[in-house]
Protein backbone atom coordinates (compact mmCIF):
# COMPACT_ATOMS: atom_id res chain seq x y z
CA MET A 1 221.17 -27.45 -218.24
CA LYS A 2 220.94 -31.04 -217.06
CA LYS A 3 219.73 -31.69 -213.53
CA PHE A 4 222.02 -33.68 -211.26
CA THR A 5 220.69 -36.00 -208.55
CA MET A 6 223.36 -37.12 -206.11
CA ILE A 7 223.32 -40.92 -205.79
CA ASP A 8 226.56 -42.41 -204.48
CA GLU A 9 225.75 -45.99 -203.60
CA SER A 10 227.43 -49.37 -203.66
CA PHE A 11 226.59 -51.89 -206.39
CA LYS A 12 227.79 -55.13 -207.96
CA CYS A 13 229.26 -54.67 -211.44
CA LEU A 14 227.37 -56.71 -214.02
CA VAL A 15 230.49 -57.06 -216.18
CA CYS A 16 233.41 -57.87 -213.86
CA HIS A 17 231.18 -58.94 -210.92
CA ARG A 18 233.12 -56.94 -208.32
CA ASP A 19 231.46 -55.24 -205.36
CA ILE A 20 231.79 -51.49 -205.88
CA ILE A 21 231.85 -49.08 -202.94
CA PRO A 22 230.53 -45.48 -202.97
CA LEU A 23 232.95 -42.90 -204.35
CA GLY A 24 232.64 -40.53 -201.41
CA TYR A 25 233.16 -37.15 -203.11
CA THR A 26 230.53 -37.31 -205.87
CA ALA A 27 228.15 -39.84 -207.41
CA ARG A 28 229.59 -43.22 -208.44
CA ASP A 29 228.26 -43.86 -211.95
CA HIS A 30 230.51 -46.62 -213.32
CA CYS A 31 232.76 -49.48 -212.24
CA PRO A 32 236.31 -48.26 -211.49
CA HIS A 33 237.76 -51.65 -212.52
CA CYS A 34 236.28 -52.32 -215.98
CA LEU A 35 234.71 -48.82 -216.45
CA TYR A 36 231.35 -50.21 -217.63
CA SER A 37 228.17 -48.46 -216.54
CA LEU A 38 224.42 -48.98 -216.89
CA HIS A 39 222.07 -46.91 -219.01
CA VAL A 40 219.71 -46.00 -216.15
CA ASP A 41 219.65 -42.17 -216.19
CA ILE A 42 218.15 -39.59 -218.51
CA ASN A 43 219.67 -36.79 -216.40
CA PRO A 44 222.52 -37.75 -214.05
CA GLY A 45 221.18 -39.70 -211.06
CA ASP A 46 217.47 -39.57 -211.95
CA ARG A 47 217.14 -43.35 -212.66
CA GLN A 48 214.39 -42.55 -215.20
CA GLU A 49 215.88 -44.28 -218.27
CA THR A 50 213.99 -47.47 -219.17
CA CYS A 51 216.70 -48.96 -221.42
CA HIS A 52 218.96 -50.41 -218.67
CA GLY A 53 221.49 -51.62 -221.26
CA LEU A 54 225.21 -51.92 -220.57
CA LEU A 55 227.19 -48.78 -221.34
CA GLU A 56 230.46 -49.87 -222.95
CA PRO A 57 233.43 -47.49 -222.64
CA ILE A 58 234.48 -46.62 -226.20
CA GLY A 59 236.52 -43.43 -225.86
CA ILE A 60 238.05 -40.78 -223.64
CA GLU A 61 237.74 -37.03 -224.16
CA LYS A 62 239.21 -33.98 -222.42
CA PHE A 63 236.74 -32.09 -220.21
CA LYS A 64 237.89 -28.97 -218.36
CA LYS A 65 240.74 -30.12 -216.06
CA THR A 66 239.80 -33.81 -216.25
CA TYR A 67 238.46 -36.35 -218.75
CA LYS A 68 235.15 -37.96 -219.63
CA ILE A 69 234.59 -41.57 -220.54
CA VAL A 70 232.52 -41.88 -223.72
CA TYR A 71 230.05 -44.76 -223.62
CA GLN A 72 227.84 -46.48 -226.16
CA CYS A 73 224.83 -48.40 -224.95
CA GLN A 74 224.97 -52.01 -226.13
CA LYS A 75 221.16 -52.15 -226.21
CA CYS A 76 219.90 -48.85 -227.73
CA HIS A 77 223.29 -47.58 -229.09
CA LYS A 78 222.94 -44.08 -227.59
CA ILE A 79 226.15 -42.27 -226.63
CA ARG A 80 226.59 -41.08 -223.04
CA LYS A 81 229.52 -39.48 -221.18
CA ASN A 82 230.61 -39.67 -217.54
CA ILE A 83 233.45 -37.86 -215.78
CA MET A 84 236.33 -40.14 -214.79
CA ALA A 85 236.68 -40.95 -211.10
CA GLU A 86 239.93 -40.66 -209.13
CA ASP A 87 240.05 -44.42 -208.55
CA ASP A 88 239.41 -45.54 -212.15
CA ASP A 89 241.85 -48.17 -213.45
CA PHE A 90 244.33 -46.03 -215.41
CA GLU A 91 245.54 -49.01 -217.48
CA ILE A 92 241.97 -49.48 -218.76
CA ILE A 93 241.76 -45.73 -219.52
CA LEU A 94 244.97 -45.97 -221.58
CA GLN A 95 243.69 -49.05 -223.42
CA ILE A 96 240.43 -47.27 -224.34
CA MET A 97 242.44 -44.27 -225.58
CA LYS A 98 244.68 -46.53 -227.66
CA ASN A 99 241.72 -48.42 -229.12
CA SER A 100 239.94 -45.21 -230.11
CA ILE A 101 243.12 -43.90 -231.81
CA ASP A 102 243.59 -47.21 -233.65
CA LYS A 103 240.06 -46.85 -235.12
CA LEU A 104 240.91 -43.50 -236.76
């Protein structure tokens, strides 16, 4: 089982350049506006990954009673997944879903 380190901190998004505030109920791991993330963790919150590439949202998948955003690192091409946050831009979520269906 993966270890989880709780890190819920503010940051500036490297893609849309917005200031992002902590989530408050769990760890903030991606921008709620453009949904991009950074490839900085091996296990959630450990900040041990040396890649530091941009994680591009490429798909959405069902996970229990919520959804996960599927990412591909633009630098090393690894696939990672993060649970959606309550404040994620739903229009972006729908666009990612549409784009992944269009690729089938």
